[in-house]
PDB file of N, CA and C in Angstrom:
ATOM      1  N   UNK A   1      23.557  87.478 -28.848  1.00  0.00           N
ATOM      2  CA  UNK A   1      23.869  87.799 -27.862  1.00  0.00           C
ATOM      3  C   UNK A   1      24.226  85.987 -27.653  1.00  0.00           C
ATOM      4  N   UNK A   2      23.481  85.015 -27.244  1.00  0.00           N
ATOM      5  CA  UNK A   2      22.705  83.459 -26.915  1.00  0.00           C
ATOM      6  C   UNK A   2      23.632  83.150 -28.227  1.00  0.00           C
ATOM      7  N   UNK A   3      23.288  83.219 -29.165  1.00  0.00           N
ATOM      8  CA  UNK A   3      23.549  82.636 -29.960  1.00  0.00           C
ATOM      9  C   UNK A   3      25.563  82.254 -30.687  1.00  0.00           C
ATOM     10  N   UNK A   4      26.084  83.931 -30.239  1.00  0.00           N
ATOM     11  CA  UNK A   4      27.686  84.173 -29.528  1.00  0.00           C
ATOM     12  C   UNK A   4      28.150  82.909 -28.996  1.00  0.00           C
ATOM     13  N   UNK A   5      27.078  82.674 -27.570  1.00  0.00           N
ATOM     14  CA  UNK A   5      28.076  82.463 -26.274  1.00  0.00           C
ATOM     15  C   UNK A   5      27.942  80.964 -26.784  1.00  0.00           C
ATOM     16  N   UNK A   6      26.784  80.447 -27.330  1.00  0.00           N
ATOM     17  CA  UNK A   6      26.867  79.204 -27.782  1.00  0.00           C
ATOM     18  C   UNK A   6      27.401  78.586 -29.028  1.00  0.00           C
ATOM     19  N   UNK A   7      27.997  79.344 -29.669  1.00  0.00           N
ATOM     20  CA  UNK A   7      29.239  79.132 -30.977  1.00  0.00           C
ATOM     21  C   UNK A   7      30.334  79.400 -29.921  1.00  0.00           C
ATOM     22  N   UNK A   8      31.197  80.326 -28.749  1.00  0.00           N
ATOM     23  CA  UNK A   8      32.113  80.053 -28.205  1.00  0.00           C
ATOM     24  C   UNK A   8      32.218  78.174 -26.948  1.00  0.00           C
ATOM     25  N   UNK A   9      30.878  78.391 -26.882  1.00  0.00           N
ATOM     26  CA  UNK A   9      31.157  77.044 -26.087  1.00  0.00           C
ATOM     27  C   UNK A   9      31.116  76.066 -26.912  1.00  0.00           C
ATOM     28  N   UNK A  10      30.862  75.537 -28.462  1.00  0.00           N
ATOM     29  CA  UNK A  10      31.343  74.642 -28.463  1.00  0.00           C
ATOM     30  C   UNK A  10      32.957  74.713 -29.278  1.00  0.00           C
ATOM     31  N   UNK A  11      33.147  76.044 -29.336  1.00  0.00           N
ATOM     32  CA  UNK A  11      34.577  76.017 -30.104  1.00  0.00           C
ATOM     33  C   UNK A  11      35.122  75.612 -29.164  1.00  0.00           C
ATOM     34  N   UNK A  12      35.523  75.476 -27.565  1.00  0.00           N
ATOM     35  CA  UNK A  12      35.778  75.509 -26.583  1.00  0.00           C
ATOM     36  C   UNK A  12      35.760  74.092 -26.425  1.00  0.00           C
ATOM     37  N   UNK A  13      34.594  73.451 -26.331  1.00  0.00           N
ATOM     38  CA  UNK A  13      33.902  72.175 -26.152  1.00  0.00           C
ATOM     39  C   UNK A  13      35.513  71.371 -27.040  1.00  0.00           C
ATOM     40  N   UNK A  14      35.285  71.497 -28.512  1.00  0.00           N
ATOM     41  CA  UNK A  14      35.119  70.852 -29.045  1.00  0.00           C
ATOM     42  C   UNK A  14      37.227  70.724 -28.636  1.00  0.00           C
ATOM     43  N   UNK A  15      37.466  71.934 -28.240  1.00  0.00           N
ATOM     44  CA  UNK A  15      39.407  71.502 -28.126  1.00  0.00           C
ATOM     45  C   UNK A  15      39.785  71.272 -26.390  1.00  0.00           C
ATOM     46  N   UNK A  16      38.673  71.021 -25.962  1.00  0.00           N
ATOM     47  CA  UNK A  16      38.865  70.715 -24.913  1.00  0.00           C
ATOM     48  C   UNK A  16      38.975  68.789 -25.015  1.00  0.00           C
ATOM     49  N   UNK A  17      37.833  69.032 -25.384  1.00  0.00           N
ATOM     50  CA  UNK A  17      38.316  67.175 -26.035  1.00  0.00           C
ATOM     51  C   UNK A  17      39.177  66.665 -26.787  1.00  0.00           C
ATOM     52  N   UNK A  18      39.622  67.254 -27.384  1.00  0.00           N
ATOM     53  CA  UNK A  18      40.641  66.761 -27.865  1.00  0.00           C
ATOM     54  C   UNK A  18      42.309  67.223 -26.600  1.00  0.00           C
ATOM     55  N   UNK A  19      42.358  68.063 -26.443  1.00  0.00           N
ATOM     56  CA  UNK A  19      43.326  68.635 -25.539  1.00  0.00           C
ATOM     57  C   UNK A  19      42.502  69.215 -24.085  1.00  0.00           C
ATOM     58  N   UNK A  20      43.017  68.348 -23.371  1.00  0.00           N
ATOM     59  CA  UNK A  20      42.533  68.502 -21.386  1.00  0.00           C
ATOM     60  C   UNK A  20      43.676  69.427 -21.121  1.00  0.00           C
ATOM     61  N   UNK A  21      44.698  69.673 -21.333  1.00  0.00           N
ATOM     62  CA  UNK A  21      45.913  70.427 -20.991  1.00  0.00           C
ATOM     63  C   UNK A  21      45.431  71.968 -20.840  1.00  0.00           C
ATOM     64  N   UNK A  22      44.364  72.461 -22.279  1.00  0.00           N
ATOM     65  CA  UNK A  22      44.192  73.327 -22.192  1.00  0.00           C
ATOM     66  C   UNK A  22      43.353  74.360 -21.472  1.00  0.00           C
ATOM     67  N   UNK A  23      43.759  76.112 -21.508  1.00  0.00           N
ATOM     68  CA  UNK A  23      43.817  76.754 -20.518  1.00  0.00           C
ATOM     69  C   UNK A  23      42.887  77.688 -21.263  1.00  0.00           C
ATOM     70  N   UNK A  24      41.254  78.008 -20.389  1.00  0.00           N
ATOM     71  CA  UNK A  24      39.921  78.389 -21.115  1.00  0.00           C
ATOM     72  C   UNK A  24      40.182  79.488 -19.852  1.00  0.00           C
ATOM     73  N   UNK A  25      40.824  80.959 -20.254  1.00  0.00           N
ATOM     74  CA  UNK A  25      41.583  81.362 -18.803  1.00  0.00           C
ATOM     75  C   UNK A  25      39.426  82.882 -18.922  1.00  0.00           C
ATOM     76  N   UNK A  26      39.370  81.779 -18.032  1.00  0.00           N
ATOM     77  CA  UNK A  26      38.111  83.358 -17.098  1.00  0.00           C
ATOM     78  C   UNK A  26      36.783  82.324 -17.456  1.00  0.00           C
ATOM     79  N   UNK A  27      36.425  80.742 -17.795  1.00  0.00           N
ATOM     80  CA  UNK A  27      35.686  79.912 -17.996  1.00  0.00           C
ATOM     81  C   UNK A  27      34.853  80.041 -17.907  1.00  0.00           C
ATOM     82  N   UNK A  28      35.141  80.225 -15.976  1.00  0.00           N
ATOM     83  CA  UNK A  28      33.914  79.673 -14.957  1.00  0.00           C
ATOM     84  C   UNK A  28      33.506  81.430 -14.189  1.00  0.00           C
ATOM     85  N   UNK A  29      33.727  82.132 -14.977  1.00  0.00           N
ATOM     86  CA  UNK A  29      33.262  83.704 -14.465  1.00  0.00           C
ATOM     87  C   UNK A  29      32.479  84.246 -15.363  1.00  0.00           C
ATOM     88  N   UNK A  30      31.910  85.233 -15.073  1.00  0.00           N
ATOM     89  CA  UNK A  30      31.081  85.944 -16.210  1.00  0.00           C
ATOM     90  C   UNK A  30      31.869  86.343 -17.235  1.00  0.00           C
ATOM     91  N   UNK A  31      31.233  86.470 -18.400  1.00  0.00           N
ATOM     92  CA  UNK A  31      31.947  86.921 -19.420  1.00  0.00           C
ATOM     93  C   UNK A  31      31.247  87.154 -20.889  1.00  0.00           C
ATOM     94  N   UNK A  32      32.276  87.731 -22.038  1.00  0.00           N
ATOM     95  CA  UNK A  32      31.714  88.467 -23.036  1.00  0.00           C
ATOM     96  C   UNK A  32      31.355  87.225 -23.596  1.00  0.00           C
ATOM     97  N   UNK A  33      29.935  86.885 -23.998  1.00  0.00           N
ATOM     98  CA  UNK A  33      29.598  85.833 -25.107  1.00  0.00           C
ATOM     99  C   UNK A  33      29.851  85.120 -26.483  1.00  0.00           C
ATOM    100  N   UNK A  34      31.003  86.159 -26.845  1.00  0.00           N
ATOM    101  CA  UNK A  34      32.248  86.495 -28.475  1.00  0.00           C
ATOM    102  C   UNK A  34      33.170  86.134 -28.514  1.00  0.00           C
ATOM    103  N   UNK A  35      34.151  85.781 -26.771  1.00  0.00           N
ATOM    104  CA  UNK A  35      35.622  85.753 -27.131  1.00  0.00           C
ATOM    105  C   UNK A  35      35.771  84.617 -25.957  1.00  0.00           C
ATOM    106  N   UNK A  36      36.600  84.713 -26.615  1.00  0.00           N
ATOM    107  CA  UNK A  36      37.565  83.080 -25.679  1.00  0.00           C
ATOM    108  C   UNK A  36      39.198  82.792 -25.452  1.00  0.00           C
ATOM    109  N   UNK A  37      39.301  83.379 -24.757  1.00  0.00           N
ATOM    110  CA  UNK A  37      40.483  83.474 -24.009  1.00  0.00           C
ATOM    111  C   UNK A  37      41.357  81.950 -23.414  1.00  0.00           C
ATOM    112  N   UNK A  38      42.380  81.722 -24.545  1.00  0.00           N
ATOM    113  CA  UNK A  38      42.771  80.364 -24.644  1.00  0.00           C
ATOM    114  C   UNK A  38      43.986  80.016 -24.527  1.00  0.00           C
ATOM    115  N   UNK A  39      45.161  79.363 -23.278  1.00  0.00           N
ATOM    116  CA  UNK A  39      46.520  79.043 -23.233  1.00  0.00           C
ATOM    117  C   UNK A  39      46.618  77.838 -23.889  1.00  0.00           C
ATOM    118  N   UNK A  40      47.584  77.718 -24.502  1.00  0.00           N
ATOM    119  CA  UNK A  40      47.916  76.616 -24.877  1.00  0.00           C
ATOM    120  C   UNK A  40      49.359  76.412 -24.355  1.00  0.00           C
ATOM    121  N   UNK A  41      49.659  75.832 -23.227  1.00  0.00           N
ATOM    122  CA  UNK A  41      50.959  75.129 -22.530  1.00  0.00           C
ATOM    123  C   UNK A  41      52.252  74.595 -23.184  1.00  0.00           C
ATOM    124  N   UNK A  42      53.121  75.619 -23.171  1.00  0.00           N
ATOM    125  CA  UNK A  42      54.588  75.424 -23.566  1.00  0.00           C
ATOM    126  C   UNK A  42      54.305  76.175 -25.672  1.00  0.00           C
ATOM    127  N   UNK A  43      53.594  76.568 -25.174  1.00  0.00           N
ATOM    128  CA  UNK A  43      53.937  77.451 -26.881  1.00  0.00           C
ATOM    129  C   UNK A  43      53.538  78.903 -26.664  1.00  0.00           C
ATOM    130  N   UNK A  44      54.812  79.259 -27.271  1.00  0.00           N
ATOM    131  CA  UNK A  44      54.307  80.879 -26.723  1.00  0.00           C
ATOM    132  C   UNK A  44      52.975  81.858 -27.668  1.00  0.00           C
ATOM    133  N   UNK A  45      52.819  82.672 -27.540  1.00  0.00           N
ATOM    134  CA  UNK A  45      51.594  83.288 -27.815  1.00  0.00           C
ATOM    135  C   UNK A  45      52.153  84.262 -29.023  1.00  0.00           C
ATOM    136  N   UNK A  46      53.339  84.245 -29.607  1.00  0.00           N
ATOM    137  CA  UNK A  46      53.606  84.844 -30.847  1.00  0.00           C
ATOM    138  C   UNK A  46      53.755  83.799 -31.882  1.00  0.00           C
ATOM    139  N   UNK A  47      54.021  82.843 -31.123  1.00  0.00           N
ATOM    140  CA  UNK A  47      53.902  81.385 -31.987  1.00  0.00           C
ATOM    141  C   UNK A  47      52.362  81.160 -32.650  1.00  0.00           C
ATOM    142  N   UNK A  48      51.525  81.366 -31.674  1.00  0.00           N
ATOM    143  CA  UNK A  48      50.631  81.388 -32.045  1.00  0.00           C
ATOM    144  C   UNK A  48      49.689  82.012 -33.005  1.00  0.00           C
ATOM    145  N   UNK A  49      49.769  83.298 -33.245  1.00  0.00           N
ATOM    146  CA  UNK A  49      48.688  84.253 -33.501  1.00  0.00           C
ATOM    147  C   UNK A  49      49.974  84.307 -34.943  1.00  0.00           C
ATOM    148  N   UNK A  50      50.894  83.788 -35.227  1.00  0.00           N
ATOM    149  CA  UNK A  50      51.493  83.863 -36.498  1.00  0.00           C
ATOM    150  C   UNK A  50      51.476  82.090 -37.072  1.00  0.00           C
ATOM    151  N   UNK A  51      51.518  81.317 -36.689  1.00  0.00           N
ATOM    152  CA  UNK A  51      50.349  80.107 -37.372  1.00  0.00           C
ATOM    153  C   UNK A  51      49.385  80.333 -37.300  1.00  0.00           C
ATOM    154  N   UNK A  52      47.820  80.972 -36.604  1.00  0.00           N
ATOM    155  CA  UNK A  52      47.286  80.844 -37.256  1.00  0.00           C
ATOM    156  C   UNK A  52      46.452  81.995 -38.003  1.00  0.00           C
ATOM    157  N   UNK A  53      47.650  83.282 -38.266  1.00  0.00           N
ATOM    158  CA  UNK A  53      47.819  83.836 -39.391  1.00  0.00           C
ATOM    159  C   UNK A  53      47.410  83.175 -40.804  1.00  0.00           C
ATOM    160  N   UNK A  54      49.186  82.492 -40.854  1.00  0.00           N
ATOM    161  CA  UNK A  54      48.926  81.597 -41.772  1.00  0.00           C
ATOM    162  C   UNK A  54      47.584  80.871 -41.891  1.00  0.00           C
ATOM    163  N   UNK A  55      47.614  80.195 -41.345  1.00  0.00           N
ATOM    164  CA  UNK A  55      45.926  79.013 -41.347  1.00  0.00           C
ATOM    165  C   UNK A  55      45.365  80.427 -42.276  1.00  0.00           C
ATOM    166  N   UNK A  56      45.347  81.149 -41.851  1.00  0.00           N
ATOM    167  CA  UNK A  56      43.569  82.329 -41.970  1.00  0.00           C
ATOM    168  C   UNK A  56      42.768  82.609 -41.143  1.00  0.00           C
ATOM    169  N   UNK A  57      43.095  82.673 -39.728  1.00  0.00           N
ATOM    170  CA  UNK A  57      42.700  82.553 -38.364  1.00  0.00           C
ATOM    171  C   UNK A  57      42.840  84.375 -38.042  1.00  0.00           C
ATOM    172  N   UNK A  58      42.640  85.375 -37.672  1.00  0.00           N
ATOM    173  CA  UNK A  58      43.047  86.324 -36.699  1.00  0.00           C
ATOM    174  C   UNK A  58      42.734  85.990 -35.343  1.00  0.00           C
ATOM    175  N   UNK A  59      44.107  85.920 -34.382  1.00  0.00           N
ATOM    176  CA  UNK A  59      43.085  85.550 -32.868  1.00  0.00           C
ATOM    177  C   UNK A  59      44.419  87.065 -32.925  1.00  0.00           C
ATOM    178  N   UNK A  60      44.198  87.490 -31.332  1.00  0.00           N
ATOM    179  CA  UNK A  60      45.581  88.376 -30.789  1.00  0.00           C
ATOM    180  C   UNK A  60      46.010  87.834 -29.108  1.00  0.00           C
ATOM    181  N   UNK A  61      47.037  88.245 -29.541  1.00  0.00           N
ATOM    182  CA  UNK A  61      47.555  88.350 -28.235  1.00  0.00           C
ATOM    183  C   UNK A  61      47.897  89.536 -26.522  1.00  0.00           C
ATOM    184  N   UNK A  62      47.810  89.248 -25.730  1.00  0.00           N
ATOM    185  CA  UNK A  62      47.839  90.357 -24.166  1.00  0.00           C
ATOM    186  C   UNK A  62      46.421  90.949 -24.101  1.00  0.00           C
ATOM    187  N   UNK A  63      46.048  92.294 -23.787  1.00  0.00           N
ATOM    188  CA  UNK A  63      45.129  92.302 -23.116  1.00  0.00           C
ATOM    189  C   UNK A  63      44.379  92.789 -25.132  1.00  0.00           C
ATOM    190  N   UNK A  64      43.578  92.605 -24.870  1.00  0.00           N
ATOM    191  CA  UNK A  64      42.253  93.617 -25.623  1.00  0.00           C
ATOM    192  C   UNK A  64      42.483  95.177 -25.452  1.00  0.00           C
ATOM    193  N   UNK A  65      43.104  95.955 -24.072  1.00  0.00           N
ATOM    194  CA  UNK A  65      43.254  97.739 -23.959  1.00  0.00           C
ATOM    195  C   UNK A  65      45.488  97.549 -24.369  1.00  0.00           C
ATOM    196  N   UNK A  66      45.671  96.743 -24.937  1.00  0.00           N
ATOM    197  CA  UNK A  66      47.283  96.235 -25.255  1.00  0.00           C
ATOM    198  C   UNK A  66      47.682  96.107 -26.713  1.00  0.00           C
ATOM    199  N   UNK A  67      46.176  96.042 -27.449  1.00  0.00           N
ATOM    200  CA  UNK A  67      47.040  95.738 -28.421  1.00  0.00           C
ATOM    201  C   UNK A  67      47.890  96.354 -28.880  1.00  0.00           C
ATOM    202  N   UNK A  68      48.620  95.428 -30.134  1.00  0.00           N
ATOM    203  CA  UNK A  68      49.728  95.309 -30.538  1.00  0.00           C
ATOM    204  C   UNK A  68      51.253  95.126 -30.242  1.00  0.00           C
ATOM    205  N   UNK A  69      50.819  95.009 -28.491  1.00  0.00           N
ATOM    206  CA  UNK A  69      51.571  95.453 -27.660  1.00  0.00           C
ATOM    207  C   UNK A  69      52.258  93.443 -27.774  1.00  0.00           C
ATOM    208  N   UNK A  70      53.375  92.843 -27.903  1.00  0.00           N
ATOM    209  CA  UNK A  70      53.432  91.673 -27.346  1.00  0.00           C
ATOM    210  C   UNK A  70      54.242  91.763 -25.433  1.00  0.00           C
ATOM    211  N   UNK A  71      53.016  91.898 -24.573  1.00  0.00           N
ATOM    212  CA  UNK A  71      53.062  91.388 -23.215  1.00  0.00           C
ATOM    213  C   UNK A  71      52.586  90.356 -23.043  1.00  0.00           C
ATOM    214  N   UNK A  72      53.133  89.936 -22.293  1.00  0.00           N
ATOM    215  CA  UNK A  72      52.125  89.236 -21.534  1.00  0.00           C
ATOM    216  C   UNK A  72      50.645  90.207 -20.972  1.00  0.00           C
ATOM    217  N   UNK A  73      49.680  89.662 -21.283  1.00  0.00           N
ATOM    218  CA  UNK A  73      48.144  90.486 -20.516  1.00  0.00           C
ATOM    219  C   UNK A  73      48.605  90.312 -18.929  1.00  0.00           C
ATOM    220  N   UNK A  74      48.566  91.595 -18.709  1.00  0.00           N
ATOM    221  CA  UNK A  74      48.758  91.906 -17.427  1.00  0.00           C
ATOM    222  C   UNK A  74      46.983  91.988 -17.091  1.00  0.00           C
ATOM    223  N   UNK A  75      45.775  91.559 -17.808  1.00  0.00           N
ATOM    224  CA  UNK A  75      44.805  91.016 -17.557  1.00  0.00           C
ATOM    225  C   UNK A  75      44.753  89.944 -16.885  1.00  0.00           C
ATOM    226  N   UNK A  76      45.230  88.880 -17.359  1.00  0.00           N
ATOM    227  CA  UNK A  76      45.283  87.532 -17.111  1.00  0.00           C
ATOM    228  C   UNK A  76      45.685  87.442 -15.619  1.00  0.00           C
ATOM    229  N   UNK A  77      47.154  87.935 -15.573  1.00  0.00           N
ATOM    230  CA  UNK A  77      48.005  88.416 -14.762  1.00  0.00           C
ATOM    231  C   UNK A  77      47.265  88.814 -13.336  1.00  0.00           C
ATOM    232  N   UNK A  78      46.113  89.961 -13.453  1.00  0.00           N
ATOM    233  CA  UNK A  78      45.549  90.264 -12.470  1.00  0.00           C
ATOM    234  C   UNK A  78      44.402  89.072 -12.043  1.00  0.00           C
ATOM    235  N   UNK A  79      44.172  88.151 -12.223  1.00  0.00           N
ATOM    236  CA  UNK A  79      42.958  87.479 -12.164  1.00  0.00           C
ATOM    237  C   UNK A  79      43.657  85.639 -11.882  1.00  0.00           C
ATOM    238  N   UNK A  80      45.301  86.103 -11.728  1.00  0.00           N
ATOM    239  CA  UNK A  80      46.089  85.168 -10.343  1.00  0.00           C
ATOM    240  C   UNK A  80      46.559  83.964 -11.865  1.00  0.00           C
ATOM    241  N   UNK A  81      46.730  84.869 -13.008  1.00  0.00           N
ATOM    242  CA  UNK A  81      47.611  83.523 -13.961  1.00  0.00           C
ATOM    243  C   UNK A  81      48.677  83.844 -13.668  1.00  0.00           C
ATOM    244  N   UNK A  82      49.820  82.965 -13.831  1.00  0.00           N
ATOM    245  CA  UNK A  82      51.499  83.669 -13.535  1.00  0.00           C
ATOM    246  C   UNK A  82      51.265  83.891 -14.882  1.00  0.00           C
ATOM    247  N   UNK A  83      52.471  84.713 -15.051  1.00  0.00           N
ATOM    248  CA  UNK A  83      53.412  85.120 -16.277  1.00  0.00           C
ATOM    249  C   UNK A  83      53.804  84.334 -17.708  1.00  0.00           C
ATOM    250  N   UNK A  84      53.806  82.904 -16.912  1.00  0.00           N
ATOM    251  CA  UNK A  84      53.824  81.796 -18.173  1.00  0.00           C
ATOM    252  C   UNK A  84      52.883  81.571 -18.895  1.00  0.00           C
ATOM    253  N   UNK A  85      51.834  81.848 -18.708  1.00  0.00           N
ATOM    254  CA  UNK A  85      50.206  81.210 -18.498  1.00  0.00           C
ATOM    255  C   UNK A  85      49.823  82.105 -19.441  1.00  0.00           C
ATOM    256  N   UNK A  86      50.291  83.699 -18.990  1.00  0.00           N
ATOM    257  CA  UNK A  86      50.074  85.258 -19.981  1.00  0.00           C
ATOM    258  C   UNK A  86      50.465  84.479 -21.119  1.00  0.00           C
ATOM    259  N   UNK A  87      51.634  84.225 -20.872  1.00  0.00           N
ATOM    260  CA  UNK A  87      52.377  83.963 -22.749  1.00  0.00           C
ATOM    261  C   UNK A  87      52.301  83.638 -23.670  1.00  0.00           C
ATOM    262  N   UNK A  88      51.259  82.550 -22.762  1.00  0.00           N
ATOM    263  CA  UNK A  88      50.518  81.287 -24.003  1.00  0.00           C
ATOM    264  C   UNK A  88      49.734  81.451 -24.240  1.00  0.00           C
ATOM    265  N   UNK A  89      48.906  82.147 -23.986  1.00  0.00           N
ATOM    266  CA  UNK A  89      47.870  83.085 -24.455  1.00  0.00           C
ATOM    267  C   UNK A  89      46.856  83.642 -25.835  1.00  0.00           C
ATOM    268  N   UNK A  90      45.907  83.326 -26.173  1.00  0.00           N
ATOM    269  CA  UNK A  90      45.668  83.838 -27.417  1.00  0.00           C
ATOM    270  C   UNK A  90      44.456  84.601 -27.228  1.00  0.00           C
ATOM    271  N   UNK A  91      44.157  84.909 -28.400  1.00  0.00           N
ATOM    272  CA  UNK A  91      42.541  85.329 -28.106  1.00  0.00           C
ATOM    273  C   UNK A  91      41.264  85.911 -29.127  1.00  0.00           C
ATOM    274  N   UNK A  92      40.406  84.560 -29.088  1.00  0.00           N
ATOM    275  CA  UNK A  92      39.180  84.248 -30.680  1.00  0.00           C
ATOM    276  C   UNK A  92      38.306  85.690 -29.962  1.00  0.00           C
ATOM    277  N   UNK A  93      37.863  86.016 -30.958  1.00  0.00           N
ATOM    278  CA  UNK A  93      36.482  86.706 -31.016  1.00  0.00           C
ATOM    279  C   UNK A  93      35.933  86.730 -32.285  1.00  0.00           C
ATOM    280  N   UNK A  94      34.637  86.397 -31.976  1.00  0.00           N
ATOM    281  CA  UNK A  94      33.282  85.894 -32.981  1.00  0.00           C
ATOM    282  C   UNK A  94      32.636  86.835 -32.856  1.00  0.00           C
ATOM    283  N   UNK A  95      31.700  87.459 -34.045  1.00  0.00           N
ATOM    284  CA  UNK A  95      30.842  88.048 -33.853  1.00  0.00           C
ATOM    285  C   UNK A  95      30.090  87.756 -35.362  1.00  0.00           C
ATOM    286  N   UNK A  96      29.053  89.341 -35.269  1.00  0.00           N
ATOM    287  CA  UNK A  96      27.650  89.463 -36.000  1.00  0.00           C
ATOM    288  C   UNK A  96      27.583  87.793 -37.005  1.00  0.00           C
ATOM    289  N   UNK A  97      28.848  88.276 -38.054  1.00  0.00           N
ATOM    290  CA  UNK A  97      29.010  87.573 -39.320  1.00  0.00           C
ATOM    291  C   UNK A  97      29.736  86.311 -39.554  1.00  0.00           C
ATOM    292  N   UNK A  98      30.120  85.865 -38.257  1.00  0.00           N
ATOM    293  CA  UNK A  98      30.633  84.421 -37.256  1.00  0.00           C
ATOM    294  C   UNK A  98      29.674  83.669 -37.310  1.00  0.00           C
ATOM    295  N   UNK A  99      30.164  81.888 -38.564  1.00  0.00           N
ATOM    296  CA  UNK A  99      29.356  81.096 -38.852  1.00  0.00           C
ATOM    297  C   UNK A  99      29.542  80.127 -37.319  1.00  0.00           C
ATOM    298  N   UNK A 100      28.807  78.822 -37.676  1.00  0.00           N
ATOM    299  CA  UNK A 100      29.922  77.842 -36.825  1.00  0.00           C
ATOM    300  C   UNK A 100      31.115  77.037 -37.258  1.00  0.00           C
ATOM    301  N   UNK A 101      30.331  76.768 -38.515  1.00  0.00           N
ATOM    302  CA  UNK A 101      31.536  76.808 -39.735  1.00  0.00           C
ATOM    303  C   UNK A 101      33.010  77.129 -39.327  1.00  0.00           C
ATOM    304  N   UNK A 102      33.132  78.750 -39.046  1.00  0.00           N
ATOM    305  CA  UNK A 102      34.558  79.401 -38.744  1.00  0.00           C
ATOM    306  C   UNK A 102      35.461  79.278 -37.692  1.00  0.00           C
ATOM    307  N   UNK A 103      33.793  78.621 -36.242  1.00  0.00           N
ATOM    308  CA  UNK A 103      34.172  78.498 -35.286  1.00  0.00           C
ATOM    309  C   UNK A 103      35.210  77.258 -35.204  1.00  0.00           C
ATOM    310  N   UNK A 104      34.266  76.680 -36.285  1.00  0.00           N
ATOM    311  CA  UNK A 104      34.814  74.886 -36.073  1.00  0.00           C
ATOM    312  C   UNK A 104      35.698  74.714 -36.354  1.00  0.00           C
ATOM    313  N   UNK A 105      36.266  75.858 -38.229  1.00  0.00           N
ATOM    314  CA  UNK A 105      38.086  75.590 -38.366  1.00  0.00           C
ATOM    315  C   UNK A 105      38.995  76.056 -37.495  1.00  0.00           C
ATOM    316  N   UNK A 106      38.111  76.817 -36.772  1.00  0.00           N
ATOM    317  CA  UNK A 106      39.435  77.441 -35.516  1.00  0.00           C
ATOM    318  C   UNK A 106      40.292  76.671 -34.499  1.00  0.00           C
ATOM    319  N   UNK A 107      38.983  75.835 -34.319  1.00  0.00           N
ATOM    320  CA  UNK A 107      38.761  75.176 -33.476  1.00  0.00           C
ATOM    321  C   UNK A 107      40.034  73.630 -34.447  1.00  0.00           C
ATOM    322  N   UNK A 108      39.559  73.387 -34.676  1.00  0.00           N
ATOM    323  CA  UNK A 108      40.778  72.674 -35.904  1.00  0.00           C
ATOM    324  C   UNK A 108      42.430  73.008 -36.031  1.00  0.00           C
ATOM    325  N   UNK A 109      42.196  74.244 -36.364  1.00  0.00           N
ATOM    326  CA  UNK A 109      43.605  75.086 -36.591  1.00  0.00           C
ATOM    327  C   UNK A 109      44.303  74.902 -34.575  1.00  0.00           C
ATOM    328  N   UNK A 110      43.719  74.924 -34.147  1.00  0.00           N
ATOM    329  CA  UNK A 110      44.109  75.451 -32.143  1.00  0.00           C
ATOM    330  C   UNK A 110      44.679  73.506 -32.398  1.00  0.00           C
ATOM    331  N   UNK A 111      44.038  72.537 -32.326  1.00  0.00           N
ATOM    332  CA  UNK A 111      44.351  71.431 -32.588  1.00  0.00           C
ATOM    333  C   UNK A 111      45.224  70.888 -33.023  1.00  0.00           C
ATOM    334  N   UNK A 112      44.867  71.014 -34.126  1.00  0.00           N
ATOM    335  CA  UNK A 112      46.501  71.093 -35.483  1.00  0.00           C
ATOM    336  C   UNK A 112      47.488  71.537 -34.828  1.00  0.00           C
ATOM    337  N   UNK A 113      47.727  72.633 -34.319  1.00  0.00           N
ATOM    338  CA  UNK A 113      48.979  73.467 -33.747  1.00  0.00           C
ATOM    339  C   UNK A 113      50.269  73.024 -32.518  1.00  0.00           C
ATOM    340  N   UNK A 114      48.527  72.756 -31.786  1.00  0.00           N
ATOM    341  CA  UNK A 114      49.010  72.361 -30.583  1.00  0.00           C
ATOM    342  C   UNK A 114      49.481  70.434 -30.901  1.00  0.00           C
ATOM    343  N   UNK A 115      48.530  69.523 -31.514  1.00  0.00           N
ATOM    344  CA  UNK A 115      49.482  68.221 -31.913  1.00  0.00           C
ATOM    345  C   UNK A 115      51.330  68.772 -32.238  1.00  0.00           C
ATOM    346  N   UNK A 116      51.184  70.104 -33.340  1.00  0.00           N
ATOM    347  CA  UNK A 116      52.696  69.444 -34.430  1.00  0.00           C
ATOM    348  C   UNK A 116      54.046  70.486 -32.964  1.00  0.00           C
ATOM    349  N   UNK A 117      52.787  70.783 -31.804  1.00  0.00           N
ATOM    350  CA  UNK A 117      54.590  71.501 -30.899  1.00  0.00           C
ATOM    351  C   UNK A 117      54.618  70.806 -30.046  1.00  0.00           C
ATOM    352  N   UNK A 118      53.600  70.479 -29.404  1.00  0.00           N
ATOM    353  CA  UNK A 118      53.338  69.696 -28.260  1.00  0.00           C
ATOM    354  C   UNK A 118      53.088  68.096 -28.618  1.00  0.00           C
ATOM    355  N   UNK A 119      52.950  66.853 -29.285  1.00  0.00           N
ATOM    356  CA  UNK A 119      52.912  66.227 -30.016  1.00  0.00           C
ATOM    357  C   UNK A 119      51.725  65.283 -29.024  1.00  0.00           C
TER     358      UNK A 119
END
């Protein structure tokens, strides 16, 4: 679990270093060590899901318990996030077979998409 948390934290740190606007949902709360929920301001989650899919990276939008539904996460809204912020969030999950290189590739894909969409 500690290795997964370290990989998640490095993933988030790479993105934060490149984009001060990124929203790391739940960063200050206890959370799963393998999961990162990121908000890309101004870019709809649906577009992000498609772009990451084209890059060969699987992500999810919405709450984990609402998988397959493209609605803003009621969990993020319950955490005090706006509907807009919930509509811009995607979830990355790392598993036992994930390697630091996988997290690095995902971070670079996030940064590239952000730069294309936001300039």
